[in-house]
Amino acid sequence: MNQPVTARAPGKINVSFRVGPPRADGYHPVASLYLAVSLFEDVAATAREDEDITVGLSSASTAVEDPEAFPLGEDNLVVLAARLLAEHTGHVGGVHLEITKRVPIAGGMGGGSADAAAALVACNSLWGTGLTREELGRLGARLGADVPFALSGGAAVGLGVGDQLSPLLLRNRTDWVLALASYGLSTPAVYQQLDLLREGQDVEVPQAVDPDLLQALVDHDLVLLPGLLANDLTAAAVHLAPELQAVLDMGRGAGALTALVSGSGPTVALLAEDPGHAGQLATQLIDEAGIDTRIVHGPVPGARLL
């Protein structure tokens, strides 16, 4: 039997997320500070004897409540990623892709993008197509704005629609508690709600991430950093899921340095002082409100072979 090739890619949190007005193509220009964190998706690629591209869900997946309802069709991002790589390189041959999902689905943490990144890396190795990471990144950008970052990992400023990446070298890690929701939020719906909330306002196109924020993160300044973190999508996410506000307030009340919605939500990221503090925060949220939590840190590497 063919030996599978497995690749792993990280979820992300947006440490800062500024959103401009919608462009003519419907996308929004952003200025984002991405941080890859230690919650990973795995994709195992096994060659098929025919030319089909199929996908399955590993029983080790922790982020899927109802495996029967998980979409495993042609529009799954791992299928699209494999097909795109095959078309781009002229590779002929099928593959079965098995996903182990740990990043919350529709949680604002780029889990689908991580799947696509891992599929590109796994298939590139399995098929011997020899694309560089940069070439995979350009392909990945056609699948979604967050895919290039899932490939590169670490920390990066993202401009354009988030796909124009400038790496940020961080020597110190930051520790976070993720408060997971039992539901997802549609990213397009959150952006649509943001546009409704801003109707009539003059919204500027963000050109850069706050340099004070970048410096505070590089310096690991946990005094200045909490006041500089911001996400323009928060109000829209809370409008669609009002219970998010209670989670944000609860996190701050439990002693988090700050609390923010990750990306389009509904995952809430709580900044902790260190791993021990993160453990205390998680315990308190579980004990007091039964909130499902994960303790993570960043930055971590991008998509890579296991």
Protein backbone atom coordinates (compact mmCIF):
# COMPACT_ATOMS: atom_id res chain seq x y z
CA MET A 1 0.00 0.00 0.00
CA ASN A 2 1.13 3.54 -0.75
CA GLN A 3 2.61 5.39 2.21
CA PRO A 4 0.81 8.67 2.90
CA VAL A 5 2.68 11.97 3.00
CA THR A 6 1.42 14.15 5.86
CA ALA A 7 1.73 17.91 6.18
CA ARG A 8 0.77 20.12 9.11
CA ALA A 9 -0.30 23.77 9.00
CA PRO A 10 -1.22 26.20 11.79
CA GLY A 11 -4.33 28.18 12.57
CA LYS A 12 -3.90 31.91 13.11
CA ILE A 13 -5.15 34.78 15.15
CA ASN A 14 -5.27 38.35 13.90
CA VAL A 15 -3.43 40.32 16.57
CA SER A 16 -4.58 43.44 14.73
CA PHE A 17 -7.15 43.68 11.97
CA ARG A 18 -8.05 46.93 10.21
CA VAL A 19 -10.62 46.79 7.43
CA GLY A 20 -11.24 49.33 4.69
CA PRO A 21 -14.34 49.93 2.53
CA PRO A 22 -15.40 47.23 0.04
CA ARG A 23 -13.65 47.31 -3.34
CA ALA A 24 -15.40 46.97 -6.68
CA ASP A 25 -14.75 43.19 -6.62
CA GLY A 26 -16.46 42.86 -3.22
CA TYR A 27 -13.25 42.18 -1.28
CA HIS A 28 -12.12 44.49 1.51
CA PRO A 29 -8.61 45.93 1.76
CA VAL A 30 -7.08 45.09 5.13
CA ALA A 31 -4.04 45.77 7.27
CA SER A 32 -3.58 42.71 9.43
CA LEU A 33 -1.00 41.38 11.83
CA TYR A 34 -1.17 37.60 11.57
CA LEU A 35 0.19 35.29 14.25
CA ALA A 36 0.41 31.55 13.58
CA VAL A 37 -0.48 29.64 16.75
CA SER A 38 -0.03 26.10 18.04
CA LEU A 39 -3.37 24.68 16.95
CA PHE A 40 -2.78 22.64 13.82
CA GLU A 41 -4.52 20.96 10.89
CA ASP A 42 -2.98 17.82 9.37
CA VAL A 43 -3.57 16.58 5.82
CA ALA A 44 -2.38 13.10 4.82
CA ALA A 45 -2.05 12.57 1.04
CA THR A 46 -2.12 9.02 -0.36
CA ALA A 47 -1.72 8.28 -4.07
CA ARG A 48 -4.72 6.66 -5.79
CA GLU A 49 -4.54 4.25 -8.69
CA ASP A 50 -7.10 6.28 -10.64
CA GLU A 51 -7.12 10.03 -11.32
CA ASP A 52 -9.77 10.95 -8.73
CA ILE A 53 -9.16 13.45 -5.95
CA THR A 54 -11.07 12.42 -2.84
CA VAL A 55 -11.19 13.66 0.74
CA GLY A 56 -11.96 12.09 4.11
CA LEU A 57 -12.10 13.19 7.73
CA SER A 58 -9.78 11.58 10.28
CA SER A 59 -11.36 10.11 13.41
CA ALA A 60 -8.72 12.07 15.36
CA SER A 61 -10.42 15.36 14.42
CA THR A 62 -11.40 17.34 17.52
CA ALA A 63 -13.06 20.33 15.82
CA VAL A 64 -15.92 18.47 14.12
CA GLU A 65 -19.07 17.96 16.18
CA ASP A 66 -20.99 16.15 13.44
CA PRO A 67 -18.71 14.24 11.04
CA GLU A 68 -21.73 13.27 8.92
CA ALA A 69 -22.40 16.94 8.15
CA PHE A 70 -18.78 17.84 7.32
CA PRO A 71 -18.53 18.81 3.61
CA LEU A 72 -16.30 16.35 1.76
CA GLY A 73 -17.26 17.27 -1.78
CA GLU A 74 -15.56 18.91 -4.74
CA ASP A 75 -15.68 22.36 -3.12
CA ASN A 76 -13.65 21.33 -0.06
CA LEU A 77 -10.50 23.48 -0.03
CA VAL A 78 -8.13 20.48 0.05
CA VAL A 79 -9.69 19.13 -3.16
CA LEU A 80 -9.44 22.56 -4.78
CA ALA A 81 -5.81 22.86 -3.64
CA ALA A 82 -4.81 19.46 -5.03
CA ARG A 83 -6.62 20.10 -8.31
CA LEU A 84 -5.00 23.51 -8.68
CA LEU A 85 -1.52 22.06 -8.08
CA ALA A 86 -2.14 19.24 -10.57
CA GLU A 87 -3.38 21.66 -13.24
CA HIS A 88 -0.52 24.10 -12.63
CA THR A 89 2.19 21.43 -12.85
CA GLY A 90 0.59 19.11 -15.41
CA HIS A 91 0.58 16.24 -12.92
CA VAL A 92 -1.70 13.35 -13.83
CA GLY A 93 -2.79 11.04 -11.03
CA GLY A 94 -5.27 10.86 -8.20
CA VAL A 95 -4.91 11.38 -4.49
CA HIS A 96 -6.89 10.73 -1.32
CA LEU A 97 -6.60 13.48 1.27
CA GLU A 98 -7.46 12.83 4.91
CA ILE A 99 -7.92 15.87 7.15
CA THR A 100 -7.38 15.97 10.89
CA LYS A 101 -9.26 19.08 12.02
CA ARG A 102 -8.35 20.82 15.28
CA VAL A 103 -8.88 24.47 14.35
CA PRO A 104 -12.49 25.61 14.96
CA ILE A 105 -14.65 25.47 11.84
CA ALA A 106 -15.88 28.93 10.74
CA GLY A 107 -14.11 30.23 13.85
CA GLY A 108 -12.08 33.11 12.43
CA MET A 109 -8.80 31.19 12.74
CA GLY A 110 -8.15 30.22 9.12
CA GLY A 111 -8.69 26.48 9.54
CA GLY A 112 -9.81 25.98 5.95
CA SER A 113 -6.81 27.96 4.72
CA ALA A 114 -4.53 25.78 6.85
CA ASP A 115 -6.09 22.70 5.24
CA ALA A 116 -5.40 24.11 1.77
CA ALA A 117 -1.80 24.98 2.69
CA ALA A 118 -1.17 21.52 4.13
CA ALA A 119 -2.71 19.88 1.05
CA LEU A 120 -0.44 21.90 -1.26
CA VAL A 121 2.68 20.92 0.72
CA ALA A 122 1.67 17.25 1.00
CA CYS A 123 0.75 16.86 -2.68
CA ASN A 124 3.83 18.78 -3.83
CA SER A 125 5.94 16.22 -1.96
CA LEU A 126 3.87 13.15 -2.89
CA TRP A 127 3.86 14.04 -6.59
CA GLY A 128 7.42 15.35 -6.72
CA THR A 129 6.20 18.51 -8.45
CA GLY A 130 9.05 20.50 -6.93
CA LEU A 131 7.40 23.88 -6.40
CA THR A 132 9.11 26.27 -4.01
CA ARG A 133 7.29 27.66 -0.98
CA GLU A 134 6.97 31.00 -2.80
CA GLU A 135 5.39 29.32 -5.82
CA LEU A 136 3.00 27.41 -3.54
CA GLY A 137 2.13 30.72 -1.88
CA ARG A 138 1.20 32.30 -5.20
CA LEU A 139 -0.98 29.29 -6.01
CA GLY A 140 -2.49 29.36 -2.53
CA ALA A 141 -3.51 33.01 -2.88
CA ARG A 142 -5.90 31.89 -5.64
CA LEU A 143 -7.68 29.69 -3.06
CA GLY A 144 -8.03 32.34 -0.36
CA ALA A 145 -6.30 35.36 1.15
CA ASP A 146 -5.20 33.47 4.29
CA VAL A 147 -3.59 30.52 2.49
CA PRO A 148 -0.19 32.18 1.83
CA PHE A 149 0.16 32.97 5.54
CA ALA A 150 -0.72 29.39 6.53
CA LEU A 151 2.17 28.35 4.26
CA SER A 152 4.66 30.87 5.68
CA GLY A 153 3.59 30.84 9.35
CA GLY A 154 5.39 32.83 12.03
CA ALA A 155 4.14 36.40 12.25
CA ALA A 156 3.50 38.74 9.34
CA VAL A 157 1.88 41.98 8.30
CA GLY A 158 -0.76 41.32 5.63
CA LEU A 159 -1.89 44.08 3.27
CA GLY A 160 -4.08 44.07 0.14
CA VAL A 161 -6.74 41.48 0.97
CA GLY A 162 -4.28 40.00 3.47
CA ASP A 163 -2.17 38.15 0.91
CA GLN A 164 0.66 40.71 0.55
CA LEU A 165 2.84 39.44 3.38
CA SER A 166 5.82 41.01 5.12
CA PRO A 167 7.31 38.66 7.75
CA LEU A 168 7.87 39.99 11.26
CA LEU A 169 10.69 38.35 13.21
CA LEU A 170 9.62 37.68 16.81
CA ARG A 171 12.16 36.34 19.30
CA ASN A 172 9.62 35.99 22.12
CA ARG A 173 6.45 33.93 22.15
CA THR A 174 3.10 35.16 23.37
CA ASP A 175 0.68 32.92 25.22
CA TRP A 176 -3.06 32.87 24.54
CA VAL A 177 -6.23 31.17 25.66
CA LEU A 178 -8.78 30.54 22.92
CA ALA A 179 -12.40 30.57 24.01
CA LEU A 180 -14.16 28.40 21.44
CA ALA A 181 -17.79 28.81 20.42
CA SER A 182 -20.20 25.96 19.75
CA TYR A 183 -21.25 27.67 16.50
CA GLY A 184 -19.56 29.27 13.51
CA LEU A 185 -19.87 32.64 11.83
CA SER A 186 -19.84 33.12 8.06
CA THR A 187 -16.93 35.40 7.11
CA PRO A 188 -18.89 37.05 4.24
CA ALA A 189 -21.82 37.67 6.61
CA VAL A 190 -19.54 39.38 9.15
CA TYR A 191 -18.05 41.65 6.47
CA GLN A 192 -21.54 42.41 5.17
CA GLN A 193 -22.63 43.35 8.68
CA LEU A 194 -19.57 45.59 9.07
CA ASP A 195 -20.53 47.45 5.88
CA LEU A 196 -24.08 47.92 7.21
CA LEU A 197 -22.80 49.27 10.54
CA ARG A 198 -20.53 51.70 8.70
CA GLU A 199 -23.12 52.91 6.21
CA GLY A 200 -22.66 56.61 5.52
CA GLN A 201 -19.25 56.74 7.19
CA ASP A 202 -16.08 57.80 5.41
CA VAL A 203 -13.84 54.74 5.83
CA GLU A 204 -10.20 54.95 4.82
CA VAL A 205 -8.20 52.20 3.14
CA PRO A 206 -5.71 50.91 5.76
CA GLN A 207 -2.15 51.27 4.51
CA ALA A 208 -0.12 49.83 7.39
CA VAL A 209 -0.23 48.14 10.78
CA ASP A 210 0.34 50.48 13.74
CA PRO A 211 4.16 50.70 14.16
CA ASP A 212 3.74 51.03 17.95
CA LEU A 213 1.96 47.66 17.94
CA LEU A 214 4.74 46.06 15.90
CA GLN A 215 7.36 47.44 18.29
CA ALA A 216 5.45 46.30 21.38
CA LEU A 217 5.16 42.78 19.95
CA VAL A 218 8.83 42.64 18.98
CA ASP A 219 9.81 43.94 22.45
CA HIS A 220 7.34 41.57 24.14
CA ASP A 221 6.00 44.60 26.00
CA LEU A 222 3.00 43.17 27.84
CA VAL A 223 2.23 46.59 29.37
CA LEU A 224 1.77 48.46 26.09
CA LEU A 225 0.67 45.57 23.87
CA PRO A 226 -2.87 44.96 25.25
CA GLY A 227 -4.01 48.52 24.52
CA LEU A 228 -2.80 48.33 20.92
CA LEU A 229 -4.63 45.18 19.83
CA ALA A 230 -7.75 45.85 17.76
CA ASN A 231 -10.11 44.16 15.33
CA ASP A 232 -12.50 46.18 13.16
CA LEU A 233 -14.72 43.11 12.71
CA THR A 234 -15.50 42.85 16.43
CA ALA A 235 -18.62 45.04 16.39
CA ALA A 236 -20.04 43.15 13.39
CA ALA A 237 -19.30 39.73 14.94
CA VAL A 238 -20.91 40.79 18.24
CA HIS A 239 -23.93 42.16 16.34
CA LEU A 240 -24.45 38.73 14.71
CA ALA A 241 -23.63 36.79 17.90
CA PRO A 242 -24.39 39.02 20.93
CA GLU A 243 -23.20 36.31 23.36
CA LEU A 244 -19.65 37.09 22.20
CA GLN A 245 -19.67 40.27 24.28
CA ALA A 246 -20.19 38.24 27.45
CA VAL A 247 -17.20 36.04 26.57
CA LEU A 248 -15.01 39.10 25.92
CA ASP A 249 -16.08 40.64 29.24
CA MET A 250 -15.64 37.34 31.09
CA GLY A 251 -12.13 36.91 29.71
CA ARG A 252 -11.07 40.36 30.85
CA GLY A 253 -12.77 39.80 34.20
CA ALA A 254 -10.82 36.57 34.66
CA GLY A 255 -7.57 38.50 34.34
CA ALA A 256 -6.69 38.31 30.64
CA LEU A 257 -4.39 41.16 29.58
CA THR A 258 -6.88 41.77 26.79
CA ALA A 259 -9.56 39.92 24.84
CA LEU A 260 -10.28 40.17 21.14
CA VAL A 261 -12.32 38.40 18.50
CA SER A 262 -10.02 36.45 16.15
CA GLY A 263 -10.63 37.44 12.53
CA SER A 264 -14.33 37.23 11.74
CA GLY A 265 -15.02 35.26 14.94
CA PRO A 266 -16.54 33.71 16.89
CA THR A 267 -13.32 32.43 18.52
CA VAL A 268 -12.14 34.83 21.24
CA ALA A 269 -8.40 35.15 21.89
CA LEU A 270 -7.28 36.08 25.42
CA LEU A 271 -3.74 37.35 25.90
CA ALA A 272 -1.97 35.84 28.92
CA GLU A 273 1.22 36.85 30.73
CA ASP A 274 2.89 33.44 30.40
CA PRO A 275 1.99 29.72 30.12
CA GLY A 276 1.08 29.49 33.83
CA HIS A 277 -1.26 32.46 33.60
CA ALA A 278 -2.84 30.96 30.47
CA GLY A 279 -3.54 27.76 32.42
CA GLN A 280 -5.22 29.73 35.22
CA LEU A 281 -7.37 31.68 32.75
CA ALA A 282 -8.48 28.52 30.95
CA THR A 283 -9.35 26.78 34.22
CA GLN A 284 -11.40 29.75 35.42
CA LEU A 285 -13.37 29.98 32.15
CA ILE A 286 -14.09 26.25 32.22
CA ASP A 287 -15.08 26.24 35.91
CA GLU A 288 -17.19 29.42 35.88
CA ALA A 289 -18.87 29.22 32.48
CA GLY A 290 -18.13 25.81 30.98
CA ILE A 291 -16.38 27.49 28.05
CA ASP A 292 -14.40 25.18 25.76
CA THR A 293 -10.82 26.49 25.74
CA ARG A 294 -7.46 25.79 24.12
CA ILE A 295 -4.11 27.07 25.38
CA VAL A 296 -1.86 28.08 22.47
CA HIS A 297 1.24 30.11 21.77
CA GLY A 298 2.75 31.81 18.79
CA PRO A 299 4.56 32.28 16.56
CA VAL A 300 4.88 28.75 15.15
CA PRO A 301 6.12 27.59 11.71
CA GLY A 302 3.95 27.45 8.62
CA ALA A 303 2.90 24.36 6.66
CA ARG A 304 5.52 21.63 6.76
CA LEU A 305 5.92 17.91 6.26
CA LEU A 306 5.70 15.63 9.30
